[in-house]
C-alpha atoms as a PDB file:
ATOM      1  CA  MET A   1     100.619  10.511  52.806  1.00  0.00           C
ATOM      2  CA  LYS A   2     103.150   7.906  51.679  1.00  0.00           C
ATOM      3  CA  TYR A   3     101.934   4.325  51.966  1.00  0.00           C
ATOM      4  CA  THR A   4     104.232   1.625  53.350  1.00  0.00           C
ATOM      5  CA  ILE A   5     104.526  -1.791  51.726  1.00  0.00           C
ATOM      6  CA  VAL A   6     106.398  -4.714  53.256  1.00  0.00           C
ATOM      7  CA  LEU A   7     107.881  -7.054  50.662  1.00  0.00           C
ATOM      8  CA  VAL A   8     109.025 -10.575  51.575  1.00  0.00           C
ATOM      9  CA  GLU A   9     110.787 -12.285  48.656  1.00  0.00           C
ATOM     10  CA  ASP A  10     113.831 -14.563  48.895  1.00  0.00           C
ATOM     11  CA  GLU A  11     115.066 -14.073  45.330  1.00  0.00           C
ATOM     12  CA  ILE A  12     117.307 -11.041  45.728  1.00  0.00           C
ATOM     13  CA  ASN A  13     117.070  -9.800  42.121  1.00  0.00           C
ATOM     14  CA  LEU A  14     113.276 -10.083  42.092  1.00  0.00           C
ATOM     15  CA  ASN A  15     113.034  -8.439  45.515  1.00  0.00           C
ATOM     16  CA  ASN A  16     115.176  -5.524  44.344  1.00  0.00           C
ATOM     17  CA  LEU A  17     113.219  -5.170  41.099  1.00  0.00           C
ATOM     18  CA  ILE A  18     109.814  -5.104  42.802  1.00  0.00           C
ATOM     19  CA  LYS A  19     111.132  -2.707  45.460  1.00  0.00           C
ATOM     20  CA  THR A  20     112.484  -0.343  42.802  1.00  0.00           C
ATOM     21  CA  TYR A  21     109.202  -0.301  40.868  1.00  0.00           C
ATOM     22  CA  LEU A  22     107.171   0.333  44.013  1.00  0.00           C
ATOM     23  CA  GLU A  23     109.488   3.109  45.217  1.00  0.00           C
ATOM     24  CA  ASN A  24     109.348   4.741  41.770  1.00  0.00           C
ATOM     25  CA  ALA A  25     105.560   4.632  42.081  1.00  0.00           C
ATOM     26  CA  GLY A  26     105.825   6.608  45.328  1.00  0.00           C
ATOM     27  CA  TYR A  27     105.586   3.911  47.999  1.00  0.00           C
ATOM     28  CA  ASN A  28     107.816   3.430  51.013  1.00  0.00           C
ATOM     29  CA  VAL A  29     109.069  -0.178  50.781  1.00  0.00           C
ATOM     30  CA  ILE A  30     110.556  -2.321  53.531  1.00  0.00           C
ATOM     31  CA  SER A  31     111.955  -5.559  52.122  1.00  0.00           C
ATOM     32  CA  PHE A  32     113.011  -8.844  53.672  1.00  0.00           C
ATOM     33  CA  TYR A  33     114.757 -11.795  52.048  1.00  0.00           C
ATOM     34  CA  ASN A  34     113.523 -14.524  54.414  1.00  0.00           C
ATOM     35  CA  GLY A  35     110.643 -15.388  56.692  1.00  0.00           C
ATOM     36  CA  ALA A  36     112.624 -15.153  59.919  1.00  0.00           C
ATOM     37  CA  SER A  37     113.524 -11.493  59.327  1.00  0.00           C
ATOM     38  CA  ALA A  38     109.928 -10.689  58.419  1.00  0.00           C
ATOM     39  CA  MET A  39     108.634 -12.410  61.569  1.00  0.00           C
ATOM     40  CA  GLU A  40     111.048 -10.380  63.720  1.00  0.00           C
ATOM     41  CA  ASN A  41     109.462  -7.229  62.270  1.00  0.00           C
ATOM     42  CA  ILE A  42     105.853  -8.399  62.227  1.00  0.00           C
ATOM     43  CA  ASP A  43     104.712  -5.287  64.115  1.00  0.00           C
ATOM     44  CA  THR A  44     105.837  -3.001  61.286  1.00  0.00           C
ATOM     45  CA  ASP A  45     103.148  -0.434  60.604  1.00  0.00           C
ATOM     46  CA  ALA A  46     102.389  -1.317  56.984  1.00  0.00           C
ATOM     47  CA  HIS A  47      99.480  -0.692  54.669  1.00  0.00           C
ATOM     48  CA  LEU A  48     100.201  -3.789  52.564  1.00  0.00           C
ATOM     49  CA  TRP A  49     102.307  -6.953  52.819  1.00  0.00           C
ATOM     50  CA  ILE A  50     103.480  -8.711  49.657  1.00  0.00           C
ATOM     51  CA  LEU A  51     104.480 -12.253  50.591  1.00  0.00           C
ATOM     52  CA  ASP A  52     106.351 -15.000  48.806  1.00  0.00           C
ATOM     53  CA  ILE A  53     104.623 -18.221  49.846  1.00  0.00           C
ATOM     54  CA  MET A  54     107.601 -20.561  49.374  1.00  0.00           C
ATOM     55  CA  LEU A  55     110.529 -19.156  51.365  1.00  0.00           C
ATOM     56  CA  PRO A  56     113.803 -21.042  51.901  1.00  0.00           C
ATOM     57  CA  ASP A  57     113.701 -21.176  55.691  1.00  0.00           C
ATOM     58  CA  GLU A  58     111.238 -22.929  57.969  1.00  0.00           C
ATOM     59  CA  ILE A  59     108.905 -19.904  57.924  1.00  0.00           C
ATOM     60  CA  ASN A  60     106.749 -19.480  54.819  1.00  0.00           C
ATOM     61  CA  GLY A  61     104.314 -16.831  53.621  1.00  0.00           C
ATOM     62  CA  TYR A  62     101.354 -18.631  55.199  1.00  0.00           C
ATOM     63  CA  ASP A  63     103.047 -18.511  58.617  1.00  0.00           C
ATOM     64  CA  ILE A  64     103.671 -14.788  58.210  1.00  0.00           C
ATOM     65  CA  ILE A  65     100.079 -13.940  57.236  1.00  0.00           C
ATOM     66  CA  LYS A  66      98.791 -16.029  60.127  1.00  0.00           C
ATOM     67  CA  LYS A  67     100.970 -14.029  62.540  1.00  0.00           C
ATOM     68  CA  ILE A  68      99.902 -10.721  60.961  1.00  0.00           C
ATOM     69  CA  ARG A  69      96.251 -11.673  61.468  1.00  0.00           C
ATOM     70  CA  GLU A  70      96.905 -12.662  65.093  1.00  0.00           C
ATOM     71  CA  ASN A  71      98.571  -9.317  65.830  1.00  0.00           C
ATOM     72  CA  ASN A  72      96.226  -6.994  63.941  1.00  0.00           C
ATOM     73  CA  ILE A  73      92.537  -6.359  63.777  1.00  0.00           C
ATOM     74  CA  ILE A  74      91.425  -6.707  60.184  1.00  0.00           C
ATOM     75  CA  TYR A  75      88.212  -4.917  59.238  1.00  0.00           C
END
């Protein structure tokens, strides 16, 4: 089974670097460059979210994790 990781990082070079390393390690990676795009896809079936806390738009990493917790049951 291939695990899915969602990566939210606004620095494009860093986002691409992390994505490349994770894909080379065998993970399926879905990346976003801003909080708004991540929030639009909050229902993505992911095993792990990697969040940048300080994003350039009005939505930050804390807002995203709050929404993830509202939409999912965490055990």
